[in-house]
Amino acid sequence: MQSRPGREVVAWLARPEVPAGPAGPAGLVSLVAAGGSNLPRWSISWLLVNPAWRRQRIGMSLVATAMQFAGARGASVVYVETLALWPAAAAFWRAARLAAEQHLARLHVSGESRKTAEG
């Protein structure tokens, strides 16, 4: 994806294999590498799952894809943030952090910080 200088943005779109559910994508995740090619800071900038497709592990699958991509490019940590005011999002990211232990990169979840690769 085209981005600002010094940043790489990669995104994945989840599409349903069978048209049994609602039209359109099931979910999307975007991963940002900022700070140049030597030691970029990796973060998941967006994770969206269509409400009709939630609770089917689509979000976890998208996060796993992003983690594998970042890990294969040398990332040891991938950052993500959410607000503590969003309990469902906070619970999701706690579970995702545990699931991320099987990937090359580890997931760092922050509560209120605005410090991300988005800069």
PDB file of N, CA and C in Angstrom:
ATOM      1  N   MET A   1       0.822  -1.175   0.000  1.00  0.00           N
ATOM      2  CA  MET A   1       0.000   0.000   0.000  1.00  0.00           C
ATOM      3  C   MET A   1       0.872   1.246   0.000  1.00  0.00           C
ATOM      4  N   GLN A   2       0.450   2.274  -0.688  1.00  0.00           N
ATOM      5  CA  GLN A   2       1.173   3.543  -0.692  1.00  0.00           C
ATOM      6  C   GLN A   2       1.056   4.184   0.693  1.00  0.00           C
ATOM      7  N   SER A   3       2.147   4.710   1.202  1.00  0.00           N
ATOM      8  CA  SER A   3       2.151   5.289   2.534  1.00  0.00           C
ATOM      9  C   SER A   3       3.144   6.440   2.587  1.00  0.00           C
ATOM     10  N   ARG A   4       3.289   7.016   3.776  1.00  0.00           N
ATOM     11  CA  ARG A   4       4.279   8.071   3.980  1.00  0.00           C
ATOM     12  C   ARG A   4       5.682   7.479   3.854  1.00  0.00           C
ATOM     13  N   PRO A   5       6.676   8.313   3.538  1.00  0.00           N
ATOM     14  CA  PRO A   5       8.055   7.819   3.477  1.00  0.00           C
ATOM     15  C   PRO A   5       8.474   7.213   4.818  1.00  0.00           C
ATOM     16  N   GLY A   6       9.212   6.129   4.759  1.00  0.00           N
ATOM     17  CA  GLY A   6       9.687   5.476   5.970  1.00  0.00           C
ATOM     18  C   GLY A   6       8.684   4.529   6.606  1.00  0.00           C
ATOM     19  N   ARG A   7       7.571   4.303   5.931  1.00  0.00           N
ATOM     20  CA  ARG A   7       6.547   3.403   6.457  1.00  0.00           C
ATOM     21  C   ARG A   7       6.129   2.412   5.389  1.00  0.00           C
ATOM     22  N   GLU A   8       5.894   1.207   5.827  1.00  0.00           N
ATOM     23  CA  GLU A   8       5.338   0.175   4.954  1.00  0.00           C
ATOM     24  C   GLU A   8       4.013  -0.253   5.570  1.00  0.00           C
ATOM     25  N   VAL A   9       2.967  -0.304   4.778  1.00  0.00           N
ATOM     26  CA  VAL A   9       1.662  -0.751   5.243  1.00  0.00           C
ATOM     27  C   VAL A   9       1.255  -1.959   4.418  1.00  0.00           C
ATOM     28  N   VAL A  10       0.886  -3.015   5.112  1.00  0.00           N
ATOM     29  CA  VAL A  10       0.434  -4.242   4.468  1.00  0.00           C
ATOM     30  C   VAL A  10      -0.930  -4.571   5.059  1.00  0.00           C
ATOM     31  N   ALA A  11      -1.856  -5.035   4.219  1.00  0.00           N
ATOM     32  CA  ALA A  11      -3.195  -5.352   4.709  1.00  0.00           C
ATOM     33  C   ALA A  11      -3.673  -6.670   4.128  1.00  0.00           C
ATOM     34  N   TRP A  12      -4.496  -7.356   4.899  1.00  0.00           N
ATOM     35  CA  TRP A  12      -5.117  -8.609   4.469  1.00  0.00           C
ATOM     36  C   TRP A  12      -6.618  -8.485   4.635  1.00  0.00           C
ATOM     37  N   LEU A  13      -7.344  -9.029   3.697  1.00  0.00           N
ATOM     38  CA  LEU A  13      -8.795  -9.005   3.693  1.00  0.00           C
ATOM     39  C   LEU A  13      -9.302 -10.433   3.790  1.00  0.00           C
ATOM     40  N   ALA A  14     -10.210 -10.680   4.718  1.00  0.00           N
ATOM     41  CA  ALA A  14     -10.820 -12.009   4.850  1.00  0.00           C
ATOM     42  C   ALA A  14     -12.145 -11.999   4.100  1.00  0.00           C
ATOM     43  N   ARG A  15     -12.247 -12.911   3.144  1.00  0.00           N
ATOM     44  CA  ARG A  15     -13.489 -13.049   2.397  1.00  0.00           C
ATOM     45  C   ARG A  15     -14.091 -14.412   2.701  1.00  0.00           C
ATOM     46  N   PRO A  16     -15.401 -14.458   2.853  1.00  0.00           N
ATOM     47  CA  PRO A  16     -16.040 -15.753   3.109  1.00  0.00           C
ATOM     48  C   PRO A  16     -15.859 -16.694   1.923  1.00  0.00           C
ATOM     49  N   GLU A  17     -15.591 -17.970   2.218  1.00  0.00           N
ATOM     50  CA  GLU A  17     -15.443 -18.959   1.155  1.00  0.00           C
ATOM     51  C   GLU A  17     -16.794 -19.318   0.554  1.00  0.00           C
ATOM     52  N   VAL A  18     -17.810 -19.306   1.370  1.00  0.00           N
ATOM     53  CA  VAL A  18     -19.158 -19.618   0.883  1.00  0.00           C
ATOM     54  C   VAL A  18     -20.029 -18.390   1.097  1.00  0.00           C
ATOM     55  N   PRO A  19     -20.868 -18.072   0.141  1.00  0.00           N
ATOM     56  CA  PRO A  19     -21.706 -16.878   0.277  1.00  0.00           C
ATOM     57  C   PRO A  19     -22.928 -17.103   1.164  1.00  0.00           C
ATOM     58  N   ALA A  20     -22.738 -17.790   2.279  1.00  0.00           N
ATOM     59  CA  ALA A  20     -23.857 -18.084   3.176  1.00  0.00           C
ATOM     60  C   ALA A  20     -24.201 -16.897   4.065  1.00  0.00           C
ATOM     61  N   GLY A  21     -23.229 -16.044   4.319  1.00  0.00           N
ATOM     62  CA  GLY A  21     -23.442 -14.913   5.211  1.00  0.00           C
ATOM     63  C   GLY A  21     -23.710 -13.640   4.430  1.00  0.00           C
ATOM     64  N   PRO A  22     -23.531 -12.520   5.099  1.00  0.00           N
ATOM     65  CA  PRO A  22     -23.767 -11.236   4.444  1.00  0.00           C
ATOM     66  C   PRO A  22     -22.730 -10.956   3.359  1.00  0.00           C
ATOM     67  N   ALA A  23     -23.108 -10.109   2.417  1.00  0.00           N
ATOM     68  CA  ALA A  23     -22.192  -9.729   1.344  1.00  0.00           C
ATOM     69  C   ALA A  23     -21.063  -8.885   1.903  1.00  0.00           C
ATOM     70  N   GLY A  24     -19.954  -8.875   1.201  1.00  0.00           N
ATOM     71  CA  GLY A  24     -18.822  -8.050   1.597  1.00  0.00           C
ATOM     72  C   GLY A  24     -17.785  -8.837   2.371  1.00  0.00           C
ATOM     73  N   PRO A  25     -16.698  -8.161   2.741  1.00  0.00           N
ATOM     74  CA  PRO A  25     -15.610  -8.839   3.446  1.00  0.00           C
ATOM     75  C   PRO A  25     -16.010  -9.240   4.867  1.00  0.00           C
ATOM     76  N   ALA A  26     -15.377 -10.296   5.345  1.00  0.00           N
ATOM     77  CA  ALA A  26     -15.600 -10.743   6.717  1.00  0.00           C
ATOM     78  C   ALA A  26     -14.714  -9.969   7.682  1.00  0.00           C
ATOM     79  N   GLY A  27     -13.540  -9.539   7.226  1.00  0.00           N
ATOM     80  CA  GLY A  27     -12.646  -8.798   8.106  1.00  0.00           C
ATOM     81  C   GLY A  27     -11.444  -8.240   7.379  1.00  0.00           C
ATOM     82  N   LEU A  28     -10.674  -7.416   8.104  1.00  0.00           N
ATOM     83  CA  LEU A  28      -9.493  -6.755   7.552  1.00  0.00           C
ATOM     84  C   LEU A  28      -8.506  -6.506   8.682  1.00  0.00           C
ATOM     85  N   VAL A  29      -7.225  -6.684   8.393  1.00  0.00           N
ATOM     86  CA  VAL A  29      -6.182  -6.285   9.336  1.00  0.00           C
ATOM     87  C   VAL A  29      -5.109  -5.539   8.550  1.00  0.00           C
ATOM     88  N   SER A  30      -4.548  -4.494   9.162  1.00  0.00           N
ATOM     89  CA  SER A  30      -3.429  -3.797   8.536  1.00  0.00           C
ATOM     90  C   SER A  30      -2.263  -3.759   9.516  1.00  0.00           C
ATOM     91  N   LEU A  31      -1.094  -3.904   8.941  1.00  0.00           N
ATOM     92  CA  LEU A  31       0.154  -3.959   9.698  1.00  0.00           C
ATOM     93  C   LEU A  31       1.053  -2.845   9.182  1.00  0.00           C
ATOM     94  N   VAL A  32       1.654  -2.088  10.093  1.00  0.00           N
ATOM     95  CA  VAL A  32       2.502  -0.962   9.729  1.00  0.00           C
ATOM     96  C   VAL A  32       3.912  -1.206  10.254  1.00  0.00           C
ATOM     97  N   ALA A  33       4.894  -0.979   9.395  1.00  0.00           N
ATOM     98  CA  ALA A  33       6.301  -0.976   9.796  1.00  0.00           C
ATOM     99  C   ALA A  33       6.792   0.454   9.600  1.00  0.00           C
ATOM    100  N   ALA A  34       7.190   1.095  10.676  1.00  0.00           N
ATOM    101  CA  ALA A  34       7.623   2.484  10.608  1.00  0.00           C
ATOM    102  C   ALA A  34       9.047   2.611  11.122  1.00  0.00           C
ATOM    103  N   GLY A  35       9.763   3.574  10.595  1.00  0.00           N
ATOM    104  CA  GLY A  35      11.100   3.851  11.106  1.00  0.00           C
ATOM    105  C   GLY A  35      12.204   3.368  10.211  1.00  0.00           C
ATOM    106  N   GLY A  36      11.916   3.045   8.987  1.00  0.00           N
ATOM    107  CA  GLY A  36      12.964   2.630   8.068  1.00  0.00           C
ATOM    108  C   GLY A  36      13.150   1.133   8.033  1.00  0.00           C
ATOM    109  N   SER A  37      14.076   0.708   7.200  1.00  0.00           N
ATOM    110  CA  SER A  37      14.251  -0.720   6.967  1.00  0.00           C
ATOM    111  C   SER A  37      15.178  -1.405   7.966  1.00  0.00           C
ATOM    112  N   ASN A  38      15.982  -0.651   8.724  1.00  0.00           N
ATOM    113  CA  ASN A  38      16.922  -1.284   9.654  1.00  0.00           C
ATOM    114  C   ASN A  38      16.231  -1.937  10.838  1.00  0.00           C
ATOM    115  N   LEU A  39      15.529  -1.157  11.629  1.00  0.00           N
ATOM    116  CA  LEU A  39      14.816  -1.653  12.797  1.00  0.00           C
ATOM    117  C   LEU A  39      13.421  -1.036  12.858  1.00  0.00           C
ATOM    118  N   PRO A  40      12.525  -1.447  11.980  1.00  0.00           N
ATOM    119  CA  PRO A  40      11.203  -0.819  12.011  1.00  0.00           C
ATOM    120  C   PRO A  40      10.420  -1.204  13.260  1.00  0.00           C
ATOM    121  N   ARG A  41       9.503  -0.352  13.629  1.00  0.00           N
ATOM    122  CA  ARG A  41       8.580  -0.619  14.732  1.00  0.00           C
ATOM    123  C   ARG A  41       7.292  -1.108  14.099  1.00  0.00           C
ATOM    124  N   TRP A  42       6.907  -2.338  14.409  1.00  0.00           N
ATOM    125  CA  TRP A  42       5.737  -2.965  13.809  1.00  0.00           C
ATOM    126  C   TRP A  42       4.515  -2.769  14.694  1.00  0.00           C
ATOM    127  N   SER A  43       3.374  -2.461  14.071  1.00  0.00           N
ATOM    128  CA  SER A  43       2.131  -2.370  14.831  1.00  0.00           C
ATOM    129  C   SER A  43       0.951  -2.765  13.954  1.00  0.00           C
ATOM    130  N   ILE A  44      -0.056  -3.299  14.600  1.00  0.00           N
ATOM    131  CA  ILE A  44      -1.321  -3.563  13.923  1.00  0.00           C
ATOM    132  C   ILE A  44      -2.139  -2.289  14.079  1.00  0.00           C
ATOM    133  N   SER A  45      -2.397  -1.644  12.947  1.00  0.00           N
ATOM    134  CA  SER A  45      -3.072  -0.350  13.015  1.00  0.00           C
ATOM    135  C   SER A  45      -4.592  -0.482  12.930  1.00  0.00           C
ATOM    136  N   TRP A  46      -5.077  -1.473  12.238  1.00  0.00           N
ATOM    137  CA  TRP A  46      -6.518  -1.694  12.134  1.00  0.00           C
ATOM    138  C   TRP A  46      -6.826  -3.180  12.182  1.00  0.00           C
ATOM    139  N   LEU A  47      -7.874  -3.515  12.888  1.00  0.00           N
ATOM    140  CA  LEU A  47      -8.453  -4.855  12.845  1.00  0.00           C
ATOM    141  C   LEU A  47      -9.954  -4.662  12.860  1.00  0.00           C
ATOM    142  N   LEU A  48     -10.582  -5.033  11.780  1.00  0.00           N
ATOM    143  CA  LEU A  48     -12.030  -4.893  11.659  1.00  0.00           C
ATOM    144  C   LEU A  48     -12.623  -6.243  11.301  1.00  0.00           C
ATOM    145  N   VAL A  49     -13.673  -6.643  11.997  1.00  0.00           N
ATOM    146  CA  VAL A  49     -14.396  -7.861  11.667  1.00  0.00           C
ATOM    147  C   VAL A  49     -15.872  -7.500  11.549  1.00  0.00           C
ATOM    148  N   ASN A  50     -16.457  -7.856  10.429  1.00  0.00           N
ATOM    149  CA  ASN A  50     -17.874  -7.617  10.194  1.00  0.00           C
ATOM    150  C   ASN A  50     -18.661  -8.247  11.348  1.00  0.00           C
ATOM    151  N   PRO A  51     -19.561  -7.511  11.994  1.00  0.00           N
ATOM    152  CA  PRO A  51     -20.309  -8.061  13.139  1.00  0.00           C
ATOM    153  C   PRO A  51     -20.994  -9.391  12.838  1.00  0.00           C
ATOM    154  N   ALA A  52     -21.422  -9.594  11.604  1.00  0.00           N
ATOM    155  CA  ALA A  52     -22.087 -10.854  11.256  1.00  0.00           C
ATOM    156  C   ALA A  52     -21.121 -12.039  11.244  1.00  0.00           C
ATOM    157  N   TRP A  53     -19.826 -11.768  11.189  1.00  0.00           N
ATOM    158  CA  TRP A  53     -18.818 -12.836  11.128  1.00  0.00           C
ATOM    159  C   TRP A  53     -18.021 -12.965  12.423  1.00  0.00           C
ATOM    160  N   ARG A  54     -18.365 -12.234  13.451  1.00  0.00           N
ATOM    161  CA  ARG A  54     -17.613 -12.300  14.709  1.00  0.00           C
ATOM    162  C   ARG A  54     -17.831 -13.635  15.406  1.00  0.00           C
ATOM    163  N   ARG A  55     -16.910 -13.959  16.323  1.00  0.00           N
ATOM    164  CA  ARG A  55     -16.928 -15.196  17.107  1.00  0.00           C
ATOM    165  C   ARG A  55     -16.716 -16.435  16.235  1.00  0.00           C
ATOM    166  N   GLN A  56     -16.016 -16.246  15.107  1.00  0.00           N
ATOM    167  CA  GLN A  56     -15.687 -17.369  14.225  1.00  0.00           C
ATOM    168  C   GLN A  56     -14.184 -17.446  13.989  1.00  0.00           C
ATOM    169  N   ARG A  57     -13.405 -16.799  14.859  1.00  0.00           N
ATOM    170  CA  ARG A  57     -11.950 -16.801  14.849  1.00  0.00           C
ATOM    171  C   ARG A  57     -11.337 -16.072  13.645  1.00  0.00           C
ATOM    172  N   ILE A  58     -12.142 -15.256  12.970  1.00  0.00           N
ATOM    173  CA  ILE A  58     -11.621 -14.484  11.838  1.00  0.00           C
ATOM    174  C   ILE A  58     -10.612 -13.459  12.318  1.00  0.00           C
ATOM    175  N   GLY A  59     -10.917 -12.756  13.400  1.00  0.00           N
ATOM    176  CA  GLY A  59      -9.980 -11.777  13.950  1.00  0.00           C
ATOM    177  C   GLY A  59      -8.669 -12.425  14.360  1.00  0.00           C
ATOM    178  N   MET A  60      -8.743 -13.549  15.048  1.00  0.00           N
ATOM    179  CA  MET A  60      -7.522 -14.255  15.471  1.00  0.00           C
ATOM    180  C   MET A  60      -6.718 -14.723  14.262  1.00  0.00           C
ATOM    181  N   SER A  61      -7.403 -15.188  13.250  1.00  0.00           N
ATOM    182  CA  SER A  61      -6.720 -15.645  12.046  1.00  0.00           C
ATOM    183  C   SER A  61      -6.018 -14.486  11.335  1.00  0.00           C
ATOM    184  N   LEU A  62      -6.680 -13.348  11.253  1.00  0.00           N
ATOM    185  CA  LEU A  62      -6.056 -12.177  10.639  1.00  0.00           C
ATOM    186  C   LEU A  62      -4.849 -11.707  11.438  1.00  0.00           C
ATOM    187  N   VAL A  63      -4.966 -11.694  12.764  1.00  0.00           N
ATOM    188  CA  VAL A  63      -3.837 -11.304  13.621  1.00  0.00           C
ATOM    189  C   VAL A  63      -2.681 -12.286  13.432  1.00  0.00           C
ATOM    190  N   ALA A  64      -2.985 -13.571  13.372  1.00  0.00           N
ATOM    191  CA  ALA A  64      -1.933 -14.582  13.174  1.00  0.00           C
ATOM    192  C   ALA A  64      -1.207 -14.356  11.854  1.00  0.00           C
ATOM    193  N   THR A  65      -1.937 -14.024  10.815  1.00  0.00           N
ATOM    194  CA  THR A  65      -1.325 -13.750   9.510  1.00  0.00           C
ATOM    195  C   THR A  65      -0.377 -12.550   9.608  1.00  0.00           C
ATOM    196  N   ALA A  66      -0.828 -11.484  10.246  1.00  0.00           N
ATOM    197  CA  ALA A  66       0.011 -10.295  10.407  1.00  0.00           C
ATOM    198  C   ALA A  66       1.249 -10.607  11.248  1.00  0.00           C
ATOM    199  N   MET A  67       1.073 -11.382  12.317  1.00  0.00           N
ATOM    200  CA  MET A  67       2.199 -11.738  13.187  1.00  0.00           C
ATOM    201  C   MET A  67       3.238 -12.573  12.437  1.00  0.00           C
ATOM    202  N   GLN A  68       2.776 -13.533  11.655  1.00  0.00           N
ATOM    203  CA  GLN A  68       3.699 -14.368  10.887  1.00  0.00           C
ATOM    204  C   GLN A  68       4.471 -13.526   9.874  1.00  0.00           C
ATOM    205  N   PHE A  69       3.783 -12.604   9.218  1.00  0.00           N
ATOM    206  CA  PHE A  69       4.423 -11.729   8.244  1.00  0.00           C
ATOM    207  C   PHE A  69       5.511 -10.891   8.913  1.00  0.00           C
ATOM    208  N   ALA A  70       5.167 -10.255  10.033  1.00  0.00           N
ATOM    209  CA  ALA A  70       6.134  -9.412  10.747  1.00  0.00           C
ATOM    210  C   ALA A  70       7.298 -10.242  11.279  1.00  0.00           C
ATOM    211  N   GLY A  71       6.995 -11.396  11.862  1.00  0.00           N
ATOM    212  CA  GLY A  71       8.039 -12.263  12.392  1.00  0.00           C
ATOM    213  C   GLY A  71       9.005 -12.734  11.324  1.00  0.00           C
ATOM    214  N   ALA A  72       8.486 -13.039  10.145  1.00  0.00           N
ATOM    215  CA  ALA A  72       9.336 -13.481   9.042  1.00  0.00           C
ATOM    216  C   ALA A  72      10.247 -12.361   8.544  1.00  0.00           C
ATOM    217  N   ARG A  73       9.909 -11.124   8.876  1.00  0.00           N
ATOM    218  CA  ARG A  73      10.733  -9.976   8.480  1.00  0.00           C
ATOM    219  C   ARG A  73      11.568  -9.442   9.632  1.00  0.00           C
ATOM    220  N   GLY A  74      11.707 -10.246  10.680  1.00  0.00           N
ATOM    221  CA  GLY A  74      12.612  -9.905  11.764  1.00  0.00           C
ATOM    222  C   GLY A  74      11.998  -9.222  12.964  1.00  0.00           C
ATOM    223  N   ALA A  75      10.686  -9.028  12.983  1.00  0.00           N
ATOM    224  CA  ALA A  75      10.065  -8.369  14.134  1.00  0.00           C
ATOM    225  C   ALA A  75      10.112  -9.284  15.344  1.00  0.00           C
ATOM    226  N   SER A  76      10.489  -8.732  16.474  1.00  0.00           N
ATOM    227  CA  SER A  76      10.428  -9.493  17.720  1.00  0.00           C
ATOM    228  C   SER A  76       9.208  -9.088  18.537  1.00  0.00           C
ATOM    229  N   VAL A  77       8.659  -7.905  18.238  1.00  0.00           N
ATOM    230  CA  VAL A  77       7.471  -7.398  18.930  1.00  0.00           C
ATOM    231  C   VAL A  77       6.580  -6.735  17.893  1.00  0.00           C
ATOM    232  N   VAL A  78       5.280  -6.947  18.025  1.00  0.00           N
ATOM    233  CA  VAL A  78       4.285  -6.222  17.239  1.00  0.00           C
ATOM    234  C   VAL A  78       3.384  -5.521  18.245  1.00  0.00           C
ATOM    235  N   TYR A  79       3.205  -4.231  18.075  1.00  0.00           N
ATOM    236  CA  TYR A  79       2.433  -3.437  19.018  1.00  0.00           C
ATOM    237  C   TYR A  79       0.992  -3.276  18.545  1.00  0.00           C
ATOM    238  N   VAL A  80       0.121  -3.150  19.513  1.00  0.00           N
ATOM    239  CA  VAL A  80      -1.284  -2.857  19.240  1.00  0.00           C
ATOM    240  C   VAL A  80      -1.803  -2.062  20.421  1.00  0.00           C
ATOM    241  N   GLU A  81      -2.804  -1.254  20.175  1.00  0.00           N
ATOM    242  CA  GLU A  81      -3.394  -0.526  21.291  1.00  0.00           C
ATOM    243  C   GLU A  81      -4.905  -0.599  21.204  1.00  0.00           C
ATOM    244  N   THR A  82      -5.522  -0.503  22.353  1.00  0.00           N
ATOM    245  CA  THR A  82      -6.965  -0.409  22.451  1.00  0.00           C
ATOM    246  C   THR A  82      -7.276   0.399  23.697  1.00  0.00           C
ATOM    247  N   LEU A  83      -8.494   0.785  23.839  1.00  0.00           N
ATOM    248  CA  LEU A  83      -8.900   1.527  25.021  1.00  0.00           C
ATOM    249  C   LEU A  83      -9.465   0.590  26.069  1.00  0.00           C
ATOM    250  N   ALA A  84      -9.097   0.816  27.297  1.00  0.00           N
ATOM    251  CA  ALA A  84      -9.655   0.025  28.396  1.00  0.00           C
ATOM    252  C   ALA A  84     -11.170   0.215  28.489  1.00  0.00           C
ATOM    253  N   LEU A  85     -11.671   1.296  27.917  1.00  0.00           N
ATOM    254  CA  LEU A  85     -13.109   1.563  27.913  1.00  0.00           C
ATOM    255  C   LEU A  85     -13.876   0.622  26.991  1.00  0.00           C
ATOM    256  N   TRP A  86     -13.172  -0.127  26.153  1.00  0.00           N
ATOM    257  CA  TRP A  86     -13.796  -1.087  25.243  1.00  0.00           C
ATOM    258  C   TRP A  86     -13.502  -2.488  25.744  1.00  0.00           C
ATOM    259  N   PRO A  87     -14.287  -3.012  26.690  1.00  0.00           N
ATOM    260  CA  PRO A  87     -13.958  -4.293  27.319  1.00  0.00           C
ATOM    261  C   PRO A  87     -13.888  -5.466  26.341  1.00  0.00           C
ATOM    262  N   ALA A  88     -14.730  -5.482  25.312  1.00  0.00           N
ATOM    263  CA  ALA A  88     -14.671  -6.594  24.350  1.00  0.00           C
ATOM    264  C   ALA A  88     -13.358  -6.559  23.574  1.00  0.00           C
ATOM    265  N   ALA A  89     -12.913  -5.358  23.191  1.00  0.00           N
ATOM    266  CA  ALA A  89     -11.645  -5.232  22.473  1.00  0.00           C
ATOM    267  C   ALA A  89     -10.477  -5.602  23.376  1.00  0.00           C
ATOM    268  N   ALA A  90     -10.512  -5.143  24.617  1.00  0.00           N
ATOM    269  CA  ALA A  90      -9.439  -5.468  25.558  1.00  0.00           C
ATOM    270  C   ALA A  90      -9.360  -6.979  25.778  1.00  0.00           C
ATOM    271  N   ALA A  91     -10.504  -7.635  25.910  1.00  0.00           N
ATOM    272  CA  ALA A  91     -10.520  -9.099  26.091  1.00  0.00           C
ATOM    273  C   ALA A  91      -9.983  -9.805  24.850  1.00  0.00           C
ATOM    274  N   PHE A  92     -10.362  -9.327  23.679  1.00  0.00           N
ATOM    275  CA  PHE A  92      -9.858  -9.926  22.440  1.00  0.00           C
ATOM    276  C   PHE A  92      -8.336  -9.850  22.392  1.00  0.00           C
ATOM    277  N   TRP A  93      -7.775  -8.662  22.681  1.00  0.00           N
ATOM    278  CA  TRP A  93      -6.330  -8.505  22.564  1.00  0.00           C
ATOM    279  C   TRP A  93      -5.585  -9.277  23.647  1.00  0.00           C
ATOM    280  N   ARG A  94      -6.184  -9.441  24.830  1.00  0.00           N
ATOM    281  CA  ARG A  94      -5.558 -10.316  25.842  1.00  0.00           C
ATOM    282  C   ARG A  94      -5.474 -11.739  25.307  1.00  0.00           C
ATOM    283  N   ALA A  95      -6.546 -12.227  24.708  1.00  0.00           N
ATOM    284  CA  ALA A  95      -6.546 -13.574  24.134  1.00  0.00           C
ATOM    285  C   ALA A  95      -5.590 -13.669  22.956  1.00  0.00           C
ATOM    286  N   ALA A  96      -5.533 -12.637  22.140  1.00  0.00           N
ATOM    287  CA  ALA A  96      -4.625 -12.639  20.990  1.00  0.00           C
ATOM    288  C   ALA A  96      -3.174 -12.665  21.440  1.00  0.00           C
ATOM    289  N   ARG A  97      -2.865 -11.971  22.524  1.00  0.00           N
ATOM    290  CA  ARG A  97      -1.495 -11.977  23.041  1.00  0.00           C
ATOM    291  C   ARG A  97      -1.099 -13.388  23.456  1.00  0.00           C
ATOM    292  N   LEU A  98      -1.997 -14.109  24.096  1.00  0.00           N
ATOM    293  CA  LEU A  98      -1.712 -15.492  24.477  1.00  0.00           C
ATOM    294  C   LEU A  98      -1.543 -16.370  23.246  1.00  0.00           C
ATOM    295  N   ALA A  99      -2.386 -16.180  22.250  1.00  0.00           N
ATOM    296  CA  ALA A  99      -2.291 -16.969  21.027  1.00  0.00           C
ATOM    297  C   ALA A  99      -1.025 -16.644  20.250  1.00  0.00           C
ATOM    298  N   ALA A 100      -0.505 -15.421  20.388  1.00  0.00           N
ATOM    299  CA  ALA A 100       0.668 -14.987  19.632  1.00  0.00           C
ATOM    300  C   ALA A 100       1.945 -15.682  20.080  1.00  0.00           C
ATOM    301  N   GLU A 101       1.920 -16.348  21.211  1.00  0.00           N
ATOM    302  CA  GLU A 101       3.130 -16.998  21.704  1.00  0.00           C
ATOM    303  C   GLU A 101       3.657 -18.043  20.734  1.00  0.00           C
ATOM    304  N   GLN A 102       2.818 -18.561  19.834  1.00  0.00           N
ATOM    305  CA  GLN A 102       3.270 -19.566  18.884  1.00  0.00           C
ATOM    306  C   GLN A 102       3.945 -18.957  17.661  1.00  0.00           C
ATOM    307  N   HIS A 103       3.902 -17.631  17.531  1.00  0.00           N
ATOM    308  CA  HIS A 103       4.483 -16.968  16.364  1.00  0.00           C
ATOM    309  C   HIS A 103       5.868 -16.433  16.692  1.00  0.00           C
ATOM    310  N   LEU A 104       6.581 -16.015  15.674  1.00  0.00           N
ATOM    311  CA  LEU A 104       7.941 -15.527  15.852  1.00  0.00           C
ATOM    312  C   LEU A 104       7.995 -14.211  16.611  1.00  0.00           C
ATOM    313  N   ALA A 105       6.992 -13.383  16.435  1.00  0.00           N
ATOM    314  CA  ALA A 105       6.956 -12.096  17.114  1.00  0.00           C
ATOM    315  C   ALA A 105       5.999 -12.177  18.292  1.00  0.00           C
ATOM    316  N   ARG A 106       6.250 -11.345  19.302  1.00  0.00           N
ATOM    317  CA  ARG A 106       5.335 -11.320  20.446  1.00  0.00           C
ATOM    318  C   ARG A 106       4.480 -10.077  20.335  1.00  0.00           C
ATOM    319  N   LEU A 107       3.266 -10.160  20.845  1.00  0.00           N
ATOM    320  CA  LEU A 107       2.299  -9.074  20.735  1.00  0.00           C
ATOM    321  C   LEU A 107       2.312  -8.258  22.009  1.00  0.00           C
ATOM    322  N   HIS A 108       2.532  -6.969  21.886  1.00  0.00           N
ATOM    323  CA  HIS A 108       2.518  -6.068  23.034  1.00  0.00           C
ATOM    324  C   HIS A 108       1.249  -5.234  22.962  1.00  0.00           C
ATOM    325  N   VAL A 109       0.387  -5.382  23.963  1.00  0.00           N
ATOM    326  CA  VAL A 109      -0.881  -4.658  23.990  1.00  0.00           C
ATOM    327  C   VAL A 109      -0.794  -3.560  25.029  1.00  0.00           C
ATOM    328  N   SER A 110      -1.083  -2.340  24.596  1.00  0.00           N
ATOM    329  CA  SER A 110      -1.099  -1.229  25.551  1.00  0.00           C
ATOM    330  C   SER A 110      -2.528  -0.739  25.703  1.00  0.00           C
ATOM    331  N   GLY A 111      -2.810  -0.170  26.861  1.00  0.00           N
ATOM    332  CA  GLY A 111      -4.169   0.258  27.165  1.00  0.00           C
ATOM    333  C   GLY A 111      -4.534   1.619  26.632  1.00  0.00           C
ATOM    334  N   GLU A 112      -3.851   2.646  27.045  1.00  0.00           N
ATOM    335  CA  GLU A 112      -4.259   4.011  26.703  1.00  0.00           C
ATOM    336  C   GLU A 112      -3.209   4.753  25.879  1.00  0.00           C
ATOM    337  N   SER A 113      -2.072   4.138  25.628  1.00  0.00           N
ATOM    338  CA  SER A 113      -0.983   4.814  24.945  1.00  0.00           C
ATOM    339  C   SER A 113      -1.376   5.208  23.527  1.00  0.00           C
ATOM    340  N   ARG A 114      -0.945   6.353  23.100  1.00  0.00           N
ATOM    341  CA  ARG A 114      -1.159   6.785  21.718  1.00  0.00           C
ATOM    342  C   ARG A 114       0.126   6.650  20.914  1.00  0.00           C
ATOM    343  N   LYS A 115       1.137   5.997  21.489  1.00  0.00           N
ATOM    344  CA  LYS A 115       2.422   5.853  20.841  1.00  0.00           C
ATOM    345  C   LYS A 115       2.397   4.605  19.963  1.00  0.00           C
ATOM    346  N   THR A 116       2.205   4.768  18.671  1.00  0.00           N
ATOM    347  CA  THR A 116       2.154   3.629  17.757  1.00  0.00           C
ATOM    348  C   THR A 116       3.043   3.916  16.568  1.00  0.00           C
ATOM    349  N   ALA A 117       3.107   2.975  15.683  1.00  0.00           N
ATOM    350  CA  ALA A 117       3.882   3.177  14.459  1.00  0.00           C
ATOM    351  C   ALA A 117       3.246   4.221  13.568  1.00  0.00           C
ATOM    352  N   GLU A 118       1.997   4.552  13.852  1.00  0.00           N
ATOM    353  CA  GLU A 118       1.344   5.589  13.062  1.00  0.00           C
ATOM    354  C   GLU A 118       2.016   6.941  13.307  1.00  0.00           C
ATOM    355  N   GLY A 119       2.725   7.070  14.455  1.00  0.00           N
ATOM    356  CA  GLY A 119       3.487   8.264  14.755  1.00  0.00           C
ATOM    357  C   GLY A 119       2.620   9.414  15.065  1.00  0.00           C
TER     358      GLY A 119
END
